[in-house]
Amino acid sequence: MWVQVASVLFTAAYALWRDPRSLDGWLSGLEALLAALALAWWTALLGRLLRGQTTPPEDGTRRALSLTFPWLTALRLGLWGTLGLALLAGAAPEANPVALTALMTVWFGAIVSSNAVFGTLVRLSGAPGDPPLRQRLREWLNLSAALAVGMTVLNVVPVRGFSGTPELGTQLVYGLGGLLDVLATVLALRAVMALGPGTAGAPAKP
């Protein structure tokens, strides 16, 4: 999971380095930076959960994640909505409508599932022995893994008439980042599935 955090930070730096004067570059960099921060705190909380520790609401890591992931989701929805409006206005008339529909659907699903994974772990960290919350986290992680595969493909394979031919370096950065996302999500899912019967864990140390 920490390798994935480093990968997302590298993606943020790459987006800014590749297009430092473009608004798109800065927005992509900001999104990746927020994602890296949220993922780092999520990983820390997951580690506590796997050790059976209870994280109180006033804990700094839990509060940081609770404050960060809604902003990340809002930014992602803003980017998604902006692109959707542009497409409805005819921004890519030559693009395959089926491919564009798949792009927007998978992207929206990934945003929703990511938000749910963050939020569910925040709640579960305060009650690590709650069976319904554990099951909900497993379900969202399972969906997120499938959507991560789709997002990886869409980030690497260009949609004809919508995006130009990407540079090899860009394909490698986003392709590798996507593979790490899939792997980390699957590993987190397996770790949560391996948890024993729910018990109220000891409070996390400050």
N, C-alpha and C. Protein backbone atom coordinates (compact mmCIF):
# COMPACT_ATOMS: atom_id res chain seq x y z
N MET A 1 0.82 -1.20 0.00
CA MET A 1 0.00 0.00 0.00
C MET A 1 0.86 1.27 0.00
N TRP A 2 1.96 1.23 0.76
CA TRP A 2 2.82 2.41 0.80
C TRP A 2 3.53 2.62 -0.53
N VAL A 3 3.77 1.54 -1.27
CA VAL A 3 4.33 1.68 -2.62
C VAL A 3 3.34 2.41 -3.51
N GLN A 4 2.06 2.12 -3.33
CA GLN A 4 1.04 2.81 -4.11
C GLN A 4 1.01 4.30 -3.77
N VAL A 5 1.16 4.62 -2.50
CA VAL A 5 1.21 6.04 -2.10
C VAL A 5 2.35 6.76 -2.82
N ALA A 6 3.52 6.12 -2.84
CA ALA A 6 4.67 6.71 -3.54
C ALA A 6 4.39 6.85 -5.03
N SER A 7 3.70 5.86 -5.59
CA SER A 7 3.37 5.90 -7.01
C SER A 7 2.43 7.06 -7.33
N VAL A 8 1.45 7.30 -6.47
CA VAL A 8 0.51 8.41 -6.70
C VAL A 8 1.22 9.75 -6.57
N LEU A 9 2.14 9.85 -5.62
CA LEU A 9 2.93 11.08 -5.49
C LEU A 9 3.78 11.31 -6.74
N PHE A 10 4.35 10.25 -7.28
CA PHE A 10 5.13 10.37 -8.50
C PHE A 10 4.24 10.81 -9.66
N THR A 11 3.01 10.29 -9.71
CA THR A 11 2.08 10.69 -10.76
C THR A 11 1.76 12.18 -10.66
N ALA A 12 1.60 12.68 -9.42
CA ALA A 12 1.34 14.11 -9.23
C ALA A 12 2.50 14.94 -9.75
N ALA A 13 3.72 14.52 -9.39
CA ALA A 13 4.91 15.25 -9.86
C ALA A 13 5.03 15.18 -11.38
N TYR A 14 4.71 14.04 -11.95
CA TYR A 14 4.81 13.87 -13.40
C TYR A 14 3.81 14.77 -14.13
N ALA A 15 2.58 14.85 -13.58
CA ALA A 15 1.56 15.69 -14.22
C ALA A 15 1.98 17.15 -14.24
N LEU A 16 2.58 17.61 -13.16
CA LEU A 16 3.04 19.01 -13.10
C LEU A 16 4.27 19.24 -13.97
N TRP A 17 5.17 18.26 -14.00
CA TRP A 17 6.38 18.40 -14.82
C TRP A 17 6.03 18.37 -16.31
N ARG A 18 5.08 17.53 -16.68
CA ARG A 18 4.75 17.36 -18.10
C ARG A 18 4.02 18.59 -18.66
N ASP A 19 3.19 19.22 -17.83
CA ASP A 19 2.40 20.34 -18.34
C ASP A 19 2.27 21.42 -17.27
N PRO A 20 3.39 22.10 -16.92
CA PRO A 20 3.38 23.03 -15.78
C PRO A 20 2.58 24.30 -16.01
N ARG A 21 2.31 24.66 -17.24
CA ARG A 21 1.61 25.90 -17.53
C ARG A 21 0.13 25.69 -17.83
N SER A 22 -0.32 24.45 -17.80
CA SER A 22 -1.70 24.14 -18.15
C SER A 22 -2.55 23.97 -16.89
N LEU A 23 -3.79 24.44 -16.95
CA LEU A 23 -4.72 24.24 -15.84
C LEU A 23 -4.98 22.75 -15.64
N ASP A 24 -5.06 22.02 -16.75
CA ASP A 24 -5.29 20.57 -16.65
C ASP A 24 -4.15 19.90 -15.88
N GLY A 25 -2.92 20.34 -16.15
CA GLY A 25 -1.78 19.77 -15.47
C GLY A 25 -1.82 20.02 -13.96
N TRP A 26 -2.19 21.24 -13.58
CA TRP A 26 -2.27 21.58 -12.16
C TRP A 26 -3.42 20.85 -11.49
N LEU A 27 -4.54 20.74 -12.17
CA LEU A 27 -5.68 20.02 -11.59
C LEU A 27 -5.37 18.54 -11.43
N SER A 28 -4.70 17.96 -12.42
CA SER A 28 -4.31 16.55 -12.33
C SER A 28 -3.32 16.34 -11.19
N GLY A 29 -2.37 17.29 -11.07
CA GLY A 29 -1.40 17.20 -9.99
C GLY A 29 -2.05 17.34 -8.63
N LEU A 30 -3.01 18.26 -8.50
CA LEU A 30 -3.71 18.46 -7.23
C LEU A 30 -4.53 17.23 -6.88
N GLU A 31 -5.19 16.67 -7.87
CA GLU A 31 -5.99 15.46 -7.62
C GLU A 31 -5.12 14.31 -7.15
N ALA A 32 -3.97 14.14 -7.79
CA ALA A 32 -3.06 13.06 -7.41
C ALA A 32 -2.47 13.30 -6.03
N LEU A 33 -2.18 14.56 -5.70
CA LEU A 33 -1.62 14.88 -4.38
C LEU A 33 -2.64 14.59 -3.28
N LEU A 34 -3.87 15.03 -3.47
CA LEU A 34 -4.92 14.75 -2.49
C LEU A 34 -5.15 13.24 -2.35
N ALA A 35 -5.10 12.55 -3.49
CA ALA A 35 -5.29 11.09 -3.46
C ALA A 35 -4.17 10.42 -2.67
N ALA A 36 -2.95 10.90 -2.83
CA ALA A 36 -1.81 10.32 -2.10
C ALA A 36 -1.96 10.54 -0.60
N LEU A 37 -2.37 11.75 -0.21
CA LEU A 37 -2.56 12.04 1.21
C LEU A 37 -3.67 11.17 1.80
N ALA A 38 -4.80 11.11 1.10
CA ALA A 38 -5.92 10.30 1.59
C ALA A 38 -5.52 8.83 1.67
N LEU A 39 -4.81 8.36 0.67
CA LEU A 39 -4.39 6.96 0.66
C LEU A 39 -3.42 6.65 1.78
N ALA A 40 -2.52 7.59 2.09
CA ALA A 40 -1.56 7.38 3.17
C ALA A 40 -2.29 7.23 4.50
N TRP A 41 -3.24 8.12 4.77
CA TRP A 41 -3.99 8.03 6.03
C TRP A 41 -4.89 6.79 6.03
N TRP A 42 -5.46 6.44 4.88
CA TRP A 42 -6.28 5.24 4.80
C TRP A 42 -5.44 4.00 5.09
N THR A 43 -4.23 3.96 4.57
CA THR A 43 -3.34 2.83 4.80
C THR A 43 -2.99 2.70 6.28
N ALA A 44 -2.75 3.84 6.93
CA ALA A 44 -2.44 3.82 8.37
C ALA A 44 -3.62 3.29 9.17
N LEU A 45 -4.83 3.72 8.83
CA LEU A 45 -6.01 3.23 9.54
C LEU A 45 -6.25 1.76 9.26
N LEU A 46 -5.99 1.32 8.03
CA LEU A 46 -6.17 -0.08 7.70
C LEU A 46 -5.21 -0.94 8.53
N GLY A 47 -3.98 -0.47 8.68
CA GLY A 47 -3.02 -1.21 9.50
C GLY A 47 -3.51 -1.38 10.93
N ARG A 48 -4.09 -0.34 11.49
CA ARG A 48 -4.64 -0.45 12.84
C ARG A 48 -5.80 -1.43 12.88
N LEU A 49 -6.66 -1.37 11.86
CA LEU A 49 -7.79 -2.29 11.80
C LEU A 49 -7.32 -3.74 11.77
N LEU A 50 -6.30 -4.02 10.97
CA LEU A 50 -5.80 -5.38 10.86
C LEU A 50 -5.15 -5.86 12.16
N ARG A 51 -4.70 -4.91 12.99
CA ARG A 51 -4.15 -5.26 14.30
C ARG A 51 -5.22 -5.30 15.38
N GLY A 52 -6.47 -5.03 14.99
CA GLY A 52 -7.57 -5.07 15.95
C GLY A 52 -7.67 -3.86 16.84
N GLN A 53 -7.07 -2.74 16.43
CA GLN A 53 -7.09 -1.54 17.26
C GLN A 53 -8.29 -0.67 16.92
N THR A 54 -8.84 -0.05 17.92
CA THR A 54 -9.94 0.90 17.74
C THR A 54 -9.38 2.31 17.66
N THR A 55 -9.81 3.07 16.67
CA THR A 55 -9.34 4.44 16.49
C THR A 55 -10.46 5.40 16.85
N PRO A 56 -10.28 6.19 17.91
CA PRO A 56 -11.35 7.11 18.34
C PRO A 56 -11.53 8.26 17.36
N PRO A 57 -12.69 8.91 17.39
CA PRO A 57 -12.98 10.01 16.45
C PRO A 57 -11.99 11.17 16.54
N GLU A 58 -11.42 11.40 17.73
CA GLU A 58 -10.50 12.53 17.88
C GLU A 58 -9.08 12.21 17.42
N ASP A 59 -8.82 11.00 16.97
CA ASP A 59 -7.49 10.63 16.49
C ASP A 59 -7.11 11.48 15.27
N GLY A 60 -5.85 11.92 15.24
CA GLY A 60 -5.41 12.81 14.17
C GLY A 60 -5.48 12.20 12.78
N THR A 61 -5.08 10.94 12.66
CA THR A 61 -5.10 10.28 11.35
C THR A 61 -6.53 10.11 10.85
N ARG A 62 -7.41 9.69 11.74
CA ARG A 62 -8.81 9.51 11.34
C ARG A 62 -9.44 10.85 10.96
N ARG A 63 -9.16 11.89 11.73
CA ARG A 63 -9.71 13.20 11.41
C ARG A 63 -9.15 13.73 10.10
N ALA A 64 -7.86 13.49 9.86
CA ALA A 64 -7.24 13.97 8.61
C ALA A 64 -7.89 13.31 7.40
N LEU A 65 -8.12 11.99 7.49
CA LEU A 65 -8.77 11.30 6.38
C LEU A 65 -10.20 11.77 6.21
N SER A 66 -10.91 11.95 7.33
CA SER A 66 -12.31 12.39 7.27
C SER A 66 -12.44 13.76 6.61
N LEU A 67 -11.43 14.61 6.80
CA LEU A 67 -11.47 15.95 6.20
C LEU A 67 -11.01 15.95 4.75
N THR A 68 -10.11 15.03 4.41
CA THR A 68 -9.49 15.07 3.08
C THR A 68 -10.31 14.39 2.00
N PHE A 69 -10.85 13.20 2.30
CA PHE A 69 -11.44 12.44 1.19
C PHE A 69 -12.70 13.09 0.60
N PRO A 70 -13.52 13.84 1.38
CA PRO A 70 -14.64 14.53 0.71
C PRO A 70 -14.18 15.58 -0.30
N TRP A 71 -13.07 16.28 0.02
CA TRP A 71 -12.53 17.26 -0.93
C TRP A 71 -12.00 16.57 -2.18
N LEU A 72 -11.37 15.42 -1.98
CA LEU A 72 -10.88 14.65 -3.13
C LEU A 72 -12.04 14.21 -4.01
N THR A 73 -13.10 13.72 -3.39
CA THR A 73 -14.26 13.29 -4.16
C THR A 73 -14.91 14.47 -4.89
N ALA A 74 -15.00 15.61 -4.21
CA ALA A 74 -15.59 16.80 -4.84
C ALA A 74 -14.77 17.24 -6.05
N LEU A 75 -13.45 17.22 -5.93
CA LEU A 75 -12.60 17.60 -7.05
C LEU A 75 -12.78 16.62 -8.21
N ARG A 76 -12.80 15.34 -7.90
CA ARG A 76 -12.97 14.34 -8.95
C ARG A 76 -14.32 14.48 -9.64
N LEU A 77 -15.37 14.72 -8.86
CA LEU A 77 -16.70 14.90 -9.46
C LEU A 77 -16.74 16.18 -10.30
N GLY A 78 -16.01 17.21 -9.85
CA GLY A 78 -15.95 18.43 -10.64
C GLY A 78 -15.28 18.20 -11.99
N LEU A 79 -14.18 17.47 -11.99
CA LEU A 79 -13.49 17.15 -13.24
C LEU A 79 -14.37 16.28 -14.14
N TRP A 80 -15.04 15.31 -13.52
CA TRP A 80 -15.93 14.42 -14.29
C TRP A 80 -17.08 15.22 -14.89
N GLY A 81 -17.69 16.09 -14.09
CA GLY A 81 -18.82 16.88 -14.58
C GLY A 81 -18.41 17.86 -15.67
N THR A 82 -17.24 18.47 -15.52
CA THR A 82 -16.75 19.41 -16.54
C THR A 82 -16.56 18.71 -17.87
N LEU A 83 -15.96 17.53 -17.83
CA LEU A 83 -15.77 16.77 -19.06
C LEU A 83 -17.11 16.33 -19.64
N GLY A 84 -18.02 15.92 -18.78
CA GLY A 84 -19.33 15.50 -19.26
C GLY A 84 -20.07 16.62 -19.98
N LEU A 85 -20.02 17.81 -19.42
CA LEU A 85 -20.67 18.96 -20.06
C LEU A 85 -20.01 19.29 -21.39
N ALA A 86 -18.69 19.20 -21.43
CA ALA A 86 -17.98 19.47 -22.67
C ALA A 86 -18.36 18.46 -23.75
N LEU A 87 -18.49 17.20 -23.37
CA LEU A 87 -18.87 16.18 -24.35
C LEU A 87 -20.30 16.40 -24.84
N LEU A 88 -21.19 16.77 -23.93
CA LEU A 88 -22.58 17.05 -24.33
C LEU A 88 -22.65 18.25 -25.27
N ALA A 89 -21.70 19.16 -25.12
CA ALA A 89 -21.66 20.35 -25.98
C ALA A 89 -20.99 20.07 -27.32
N GLY A 90 -20.56 18.83 -27.53
CA GLY A 90 -19.96 18.45 -28.81
C GLY A 90 -18.47 18.61 -28.88
N ALA A 91 -17.78 18.45 -27.75
CA ALA A 91 -16.32 18.64 -27.74
C ALA A 91 -15.57 17.57 -28.50
N ALA A 92 -16.18 16.39 -28.65
CA ALA A 92 -15.49 15.30 -29.36
C ALA A 92 -16.47 14.62 -30.32
N PRO A 93 -16.85 15.32 -31.40
CA PRO A 93 -17.88 14.79 -32.30
C PRO A 93 -17.46 13.53 -33.05
N GLU A 94 -16.16 13.31 -33.21
CA GLU A 94 -15.70 12.16 -33.97
C GLU A 94 -15.45 10.93 -33.09
N ALA A 95 -15.56 11.09 -31.79
CA ALA A 95 -15.28 9.97 -30.89
C ALA A 95 -16.44 8.98 -30.89
N ASN A 96 -16.11 7.73 -30.64
CA ASN A 96 -17.12 6.68 -30.55
C ASN A 96 -17.97 6.91 -29.31
N PRO A 97 -19.29 7.09 -29.47
CA PRO A 97 -20.14 7.37 -28.30
C PRO A 97 -20.17 6.23 -27.29
N VAL A 98 -20.03 5.00 -27.77
CA VAL A 98 -20.01 3.85 -26.85
C VAL A 98 -18.76 3.90 -25.97
N ALA A 99 -17.62 4.22 -26.59
CA ALA A 99 -16.37 4.32 -25.83
C ALA A 99 -16.43 5.46 -24.83
N LEU A 100 -17.02 6.60 -25.23
CA LEU A 100 -17.14 7.73 -24.32
C LEU A 100 -18.08 7.40 -23.15
N THR A 101 -19.16 6.69 -23.46
CA THR A 101 -20.08 6.29 -22.40
C THR A 101 -19.39 5.36 -21.41
N ALA A 102 -18.60 4.43 -21.93
CA ALA A 102 -17.86 3.52 -21.06
C ALA A 102 -16.87 4.29 -20.19
N LEU A 103 -16.18 5.25 -20.80
CA LEU A 103 -15.22 6.08 -20.06
C LEU A 103 -15.89 6.81 -18.91
N MET A 104 -16.99 7.50 -19.21
CA MET A 104 -17.65 8.29 -18.18
C MET A 104 -18.29 7.40 -17.10
N THR A 105 -18.80 6.25 -17.50
CA THR A 105 -19.45 5.35 -16.53
C THR A 105 -18.43 4.73 -15.58
N VAL A 106 -17.34 4.22 -16.14
CA VAL A 106 -16.31 3.60 -15.30
C VAL A 106 -15.67 4.64 -14.39
N TRP A 107 -15.40 5.81 -14.93
CA TRP A 107 -14.79 6.88 -14.13
C TRP A 107 -15.70 7.27 -12.97
N PHE A 108 -17.00 7.46 -13.25
CA PHE A 108 -17.94 7.82 -12.20
C PHE A 108 -18.03 6.72 -11.14
N GLY A 109 -18.08 5.47 -11.60
CA GLY A 109 -18.12 4.36 -10.65
C GLY A 109 -16.89 4.31 -9.77
N ALA A 110 -15.72 4.59 -10.36
CA ALA A 110 -14.47 4.59 -9.59
C ALA A 110 -14.48 5.70 -8.54
N ILE A 111 -15.03 6.86 -8.89
CA ILE A 111 -15.11 7.97 -7.92
C ILE A 111 -16.00 7.59 -6.75
N VAL A 112 -17.17 7.03 -7.05
CA VAL A 112 -18.12 6.66 -6.00
C VAL A 112 -17.56 5.56 -5.11
N SER A 113 -16.97 4.54 -5.72
CA SER A 113 -16.45 3.42 -4.93
C SER A 113 -15.26 3.85 -4.07
N SER A 114 -14.40 4.73 -4.61
CA SER A 114 -13.28 5.23 -3.82
C SER A 114 -13.77 6.01 -2.61
N ASN A 115 -14.77 6.86 -2.82
CA ASN A 115 -15.35 7.61 -1.71
C ASN A 115 -15.92 6.67 -0.65
N ALA A 116 -16.59 5.62 -1.10
CA ALA A 116 -17.19 4.66 -0.17
C ALA A 116 -16.13 3.88 0.60
N VAL A 117 -15.04 3.52 -0.06
CA VAL A 117 -13.95 2.80 0.62
C VAL A 117 -13.35 3.68 1.72
N PHE A 118 -13.10 4.95 1.42
CA PHE A 118 -12.57 5.86 2.43
C PHE A 118 -13.54 6.01 3.60
N GLY A 119 -14.78 6.31 3.28
CA GLY A 119 -15.77 6.55 4.33
C GLY A 119 -16.06 5.34 5.18
N THR A 120 -16.14 4.17 4.55
CA THR A 120 -16.43 2.96 5.30
C THR A 120 -15.31 2.62 6.27
N LEU A 121 -14.05 2.80 5.85
CA LEU A 121 -12.95 2.51 6.76
C LEU A 121 -12.92 3.51 7.92
N VAL A 122 -13.26 4.77 7.66
CA VAL A 122 -13.31 5.75 8.74
C VAL A 122 -14.29 5.28 9.82
N ARG A 123 -15.47 4.83 9.39
CA ARG A 123 -16.45 4.35 10.36
C ARG A 123 -16.01 3.05 11.02
N LEU A 124 -15.44 2.15 10.22
CA LEU A 124 -15.03 0.85 10.75
C LEU A 124 -13.86 0.98 11.72
N SER A 125 -13.01 1.98 11.52
CA SER A 125 -11.86 2.15 12.40
C SER A 125 -12.29 2.45 13.83
N GLY A 126 -13.50 3.00 14.00
CA GLY A 126 -14.01 3.26 15.34
C GLY A 126 -14.75 2.08 15.93
N ALA A 127 -15.06 1.10 15.10
CA ALA A 127 -15.77 -0.11 15.55
C ALA A 127 -15.27 -1.30 14.75
N PRO A 128 -14.01 -1.71 14.96
CA PRO A 128 -13.40 -2.75 14.13
C PRO A 128 -14.08 -4.11 14.20
N GLY A 129 -14.92 -4.31 15.20
CA GLY A 129 -15.59 -5.60 15.31
C GLY A 129 -16.98 -5.62 14.70
N ASP A 130 -17.37 -4.56 14.00
CA ASP A 130 -18.72 -4.47 13.43
C ASP A 130 -18.81 -5.31 12.15
N PRO A 131 -19.53 -6.45 12.18
CA PRO A 131 -19.60 -7.33 11.00
C PRO A 131 -20.21 -6.67 9.76
N PRO A 132 -21.33 -5.91 9.87
CA PRO A 132 -21.89 -5.28 8.66
C PRO A 132 -20.92 -4.29 8.00
N LEU A 133 -20.18 -3.52 8.84
CA LEU A 133 -19.22 -2.57 8.27
C LEU A 133 -18.06 -3.31 7.59
N ARG A 134 -17.62 -4.41 8.19
CA ARG A 134 -16.57 -5.20 7.57
C ARG A 134 -17.02 -5.74 6.22
N GLN A 135 -18.25 -6.24 6.18
CA GLN A 135 -18.77 -6.77 4.93
C GLN A 135 -18.91 -5.67 3.88
N ARG A 136 -19.35 -4.50 4.32
CA ARG A 136 -19.49 -3.37 3.39
C ARG A 136 -18.14 -2.96 2.82
N LEU A 137 -17.10 -2.96 3.67
CA LEU A 137 -15.76 -2.60 3.20
C LEU A 137 -15.27 -3.63 2.19
N ARG A 138 -15.52 -4.91 2.46
CA ARG A 138 -15.10 -5.95 1.51
C ARG A 138 -15.80 -5.77 0.17
N GLU A 139 -17.08 -5.46 0.20
CA GLU A 139 -17.83 -5.30 -1.05
C GLU A 139 -17.32 -4.10 -1.85
N TRP A 140 -17.05 -2.99 -1.17
CA TRP A 140 -16.56 -1.81 -1.88
C TRP A 140 -15.15 -2.01 -2.42
N LEU A 141 -14.32 -2.72 -1.65
CA LEU A 141 -12.97 -3.01 -2.14
C LEU A 141 -13.03 -3.92 -3.36
N ASN A 142 -13.93 -4.87 -3.35
CA ASN A 142 -14.08 -5.78 -4.49
C ASN A 142 -14.49 -5.01 -5.74
N LEU A 143 -15.46 -4.11 -5.58
CA LEU A 143 -15.90 -3.29 -6.71
C LEU A 143 -14.79 -2.35 -7.17
N SER A 144 -14.08 -1.77 -6.21
CA SER A 144 -13.00 -0.84 -6.55
C SER A 144 -11.89 -1.52 -7.34
N ALA A 145 -11.59 -2.78 -7.01
CA ALA A 145 -10.56 -3.51 -7.74
C ALA A 145 -10.96 -3.69 -9.20
N ALA A 146 -12.23 -4.05 -9.42
CA ALA A 146 -12.70 -4.24 -10.80
C ALA A 146 -12.68 -2.93 -11.57
N LEU A 147 -13.11 -1.84 -10.93
CA LEU A 147 -13.12 -0.54 -11.60
C LEU A 147 -11.71 -0.02 -11.83
N ALA A 148 -10.77 -0.38 -10.94
CA ALA A 148 -9.38 0.03 -11.13
C ALA A 148 -8.80 -0.59 -12.39
N VAL A 149 -9.20 -1.82 -12.69
CA VAL A 149 -8.76 -2.46 -13.94
C VAL A 149 -9.28 -1.66 -15.13
N GLY A 150 -10.57 -1.30 -15.07
CA GLY A 150 -11.15 -0.53 -16.16
C GLY A 150 -10.50 0.83 -16.33
N MET A 151 -10.22 1.52 -15.24
CA MET A 151 -9.57 2.83 -15.32
C MET A 151 -8.16 2.72 -15.87
N THR A 152 -7.47 1.65 -15.53
CA THR A 152 -6.11 1.45 -16.05
C THR A 152 -6.14 1.32 -17.57
N VAL A 153 -7.07 0.53 -18.05
CA VAL A 153 -7.20 0.35 -19.50
C VAL A 153 -7.54 1.67 -20.18
N LEU A 154 -8.49 2.41 -19.61
CA LEU A 154 -8.92 3.66 -20.22
C LEU A 154 -7.83 4.73 -20.18
N ASN A 155 -6.96 4.68 -19.16
CA ASN A 155 -5.86 5.64 -19.07
C ASN A 155 -4.72 5.34 -20.03
N VAL A 156 -4.62 4.08 -20.44
CA VAL A 156 -3.51 3.66 -21.29
C VAL A 156 -3.92 3.60 -22.77
N VAL A 157 -5.13 3.11 -23.02
CA VAL A 157 -5.61 2.96 -24.40
C VAL A 157 -6.42 4.19 -24.78
N PRO A 158 -5.98 4.99 -25.74
CA PRO A 158 -6.70 6.22 -26.09
C PRO A 158 -8.02 5.94 -26.80
N VAL A 159 -9.00 6.82 -26.58
CA VAL A 159 -10.27 6.75 -27.29
C VAL A 159 -10.12 7.56 -28.57
N ARG A 160 -10.24 6.89 -29.70
CA ARG A 160 -10.04 7.56 -30.99
C ARG A 160 -11.05 8.69 -31.17
N GLY A 161 -10.54 9.84 -31.55
CA GLY A 161 -11.40 11.01 -31.75
C GLY A 161 -11.61 11.83 -30.50
N PHE A 162 -11.13 11.34 -29.37
CA PHE A 162 -11.29 12.06 -28.10
C PHE A 162 -9.94 12.49 -27.54
N SER A 163 -9.02 11.57 -27.46
CA SER A 163 -7.68 11.89 -26.96
C SER A 163 -6.66 11.56 -28.03
N GLY A 164 -5.63 12.36 -28.09
CA GLY A 164 -4.59 12.12 -29.07
C GLY A 164 -3.75 10.91 -28.70
N THR A 165 -2.79 10.61 -29.53
CA THR A 165 -1.90 9.49 -29.25
C THR A 165 -1.00 9.84 -28.07
N PRO A 166 -1.10 9.10 -26.95
CA PRO A 166 -0.31 9.45 -25.77
C PRO A 166 1.17 9.10 -25.95
N GLU A 167 2.01 9.82 -25.22
CA GLU A 167 3.43 9.51 -25.24
C GLU A 167 3.68 8.20 -24.50
N LEU A 168 4.75 7.53 -24.88
CA LEU A 168 5.07 6.25 -24.24
C LEU A 168 5.30 6.44 -22.74
N GLY A 169 5.98 7.53 -22.38
CA GLY A 169 6.24 7.79 -20.96
C GLY A 169 4.95 7.95 -20.17
N THR A 170 3.98 8.65 -20.75
CA THR A 170 2.70 8.85 -20.09
C THR A 170 1.98 7.51 -19.91
N GLN A 171 2.00 6.68 -20.95
CA GLN A 171 1.37 5.37 -20.85
C GLN A 171 2.02 4.52 -19.77
N LEU A 172 3.34 4.59 -19.67
CA LEU A 172 4.05 3.80 -18.66
C LEU A 172 3.71 4.28 -17.25
N VAL A 173 3.70 5.61 -17.05
CA VAL A 173 3.41 6.16 -15.73
C VAL A 173 2.01 5.78 -15.27
N TYR A 174 1.03 6.02 -16.13
CA TYR A 174 -0.35 5.74 -15.73
C TYR A 174 -0.66 4.24 -15.76
N GLY A 175 -0.01 3.52 -16.65
CA GLY A 175 -0.21 2.07 -16.68
C GLY A 175 0.34 1.40 -15.43
N LEU A 176 1.57 1.76 -15.05
CA LEU A 176 2.17 1.19 -13.85
C LEU A 176 1.40 1.62 -12.61
N GLY A 177 1.01 2.90 -12.58
CA GLY A 177 0.22 3.38 -11.44
C GLY A 177 -1.10 2.62 -11.32
N GLY A 178 -1.72 2.34 -12.46
CA GLY A 178 -2.98 1.60 -12.44
C GLY A 178 -2.80 0.17 -11.95
N LEU A 179 -1.72 -0.48 -12.40
CA LEU A 179 -1.45 -1.85 -11.96
C LEU A 179 -1.20 -1.90 -10.45
N LEU A 180 -0.46 -0.92 -9.93
CA LEU A 180 -0.22 -0.86 -8.49
C LEU A 180 -1.53 -0.62 -7.74
N ASP A 181 -2.40 0.19 -8.31
CA ASP A 181 -3.71 0.44 -7.69
C ASP A 181 -4.51 -0.85 -7.60
N VAL A 182 -4.54 -1.60 -8.69
CA VAL A 182 -5.27 -2.88 -8.69
C VAL A 182 -4.68 -3.84 -7.67
N LEU A 183 -3.35 -3.97 -7.68
CA LEU A 183 -2.68 -4.90 -6.76
C LEU A 183 -2.92 -4.51 -5.30
N ALA A 184 -2.78 -3.22 -5.00
CA ALA A 184 -2.96 -2.76 -3.62
C ALA A 184 -4.40 -2.98 -3.16
N THR A 185 -5.36 -2.74 -4.04
CA THR A 185 -6.76 -2.93 -3.68
C THR A 185 -7.07 -4.39 -3.41
N VAL A 186 -6.54 -5.27 -4.26
CA VAL A 186 -6.76 -6.70 -4.07
C VAL A 186 -6.11 -7.18 -2.77
N LEU A 187 -4.90 -6.72 -2.48
CA LEU A 187 -4.22 -7.10 -1.24
C LEU A 187 -5.00 -6.60 -0.02
N ALA A 188 -5.52 -5.37 -0.09
CA ALA A 188 -6.32 -4.85 1.01
C ALA A 188 -7.58 -5.68 1.19
N LEU A 189 -8.21 -6.06 0.08
CA LEU A 189 -9.41 -6.89 0.16
C LEU A 189 -9.11 -8.23 0.81
N ARG A 190 -8.02 -8.87 0.42
CA ARG A 190 -7.68 -10.16 1.00
C ARG A 190 -7.34 -10.03 2.48
N ALA A 191 -6.70 -8.93 2.85
CA ALA A 191 -6.37 -8.72 4.26
C ALA A 191 -7.63 -8.55 5.10
N VAL A 192 -8.59 -7.78 4.58
CA VAL A 192 -9.84 -7.58 5.32
C VAL A 192 -10.64 -8.89 5.38
N MET A 193 -10.62 -9.66 4.31
CA MET A 193 -11.33 -10.94 4.30
C MET A 193 -10.72 -11.93 5.29
N ALA A 194 -9.42 -11.78 5.56
CA ALA A 194 -8.73 -12.71 6.46
C ALA A 194 -8.91 -12.35 7.93
N LEU A 195 -9.56 -11.23 8.21
CA LEU A 195 -9.77 -10.84 9.60
C LEU A 195 -10.61 -11.88 10.32
N GLY A 196 -10.26 -12.12 11.57
CA GLY A 196 -11.01 -13.07 12.37
C GLY A 196 -12.34 -12.49 12.80
N PRO A 197 -13.08 -13.23 13.63
CA PRO A 197 -14.37 -12.74 14.13
C PRO A 197 -14.21 -11.39 14.79
N GLY A 198 -15.17 -10.51 14.56
CA GLY A 198 -15.06 -9.14 15.07
C GLY A 198 -15.04 -9.06 16.58
N THR A 199 -14.11 -8.31 17.09
CA THR A 199 -14.02 -8.02 18.51
C THR A 199 -13.66 -6.56 18.67
N ALA A 200 -14.06 -5.99 19.74
CA ALA A 200 -13.71 -4.58 20.00
C ALA A 200 -12.24 -4.51 20.34
N GLY A 201 -11.47 -3.86 19.50
CA GLY A 201 -10.03 -3.82 19.68
C GLY A 201 -9.60 -2.81 20.73
N ALA A 202 -8.33 -2.86 21.06
CA ALA A 202 -7.76 -1.90 22.00
C ALA A 202 -7.62 -0.55 21.31
N PRO A 203 -7.72 0.54 22.08
CA PRO A 203 -7.56 1.87 21.48
C PRO A 203 -6.18 2.02 20.86
N ALA A 204 -6.13 2.73 19.75
CA ALA A 204 -4.84 2.98 19.10
C ALA A 204 -4.02 3.93 19.94
N LYS A 205 -2.71 3.72 19.96
CA LYS A 205 -1.82 4.59 20.70
C LYS A 205 -1.66 5.91 19.96
N PRO A 206 -1.67 7.03 20.66
CA PRO A 206 -1.50 8.33 19.99
C PRO A 206 -0.14 8.45 19.34
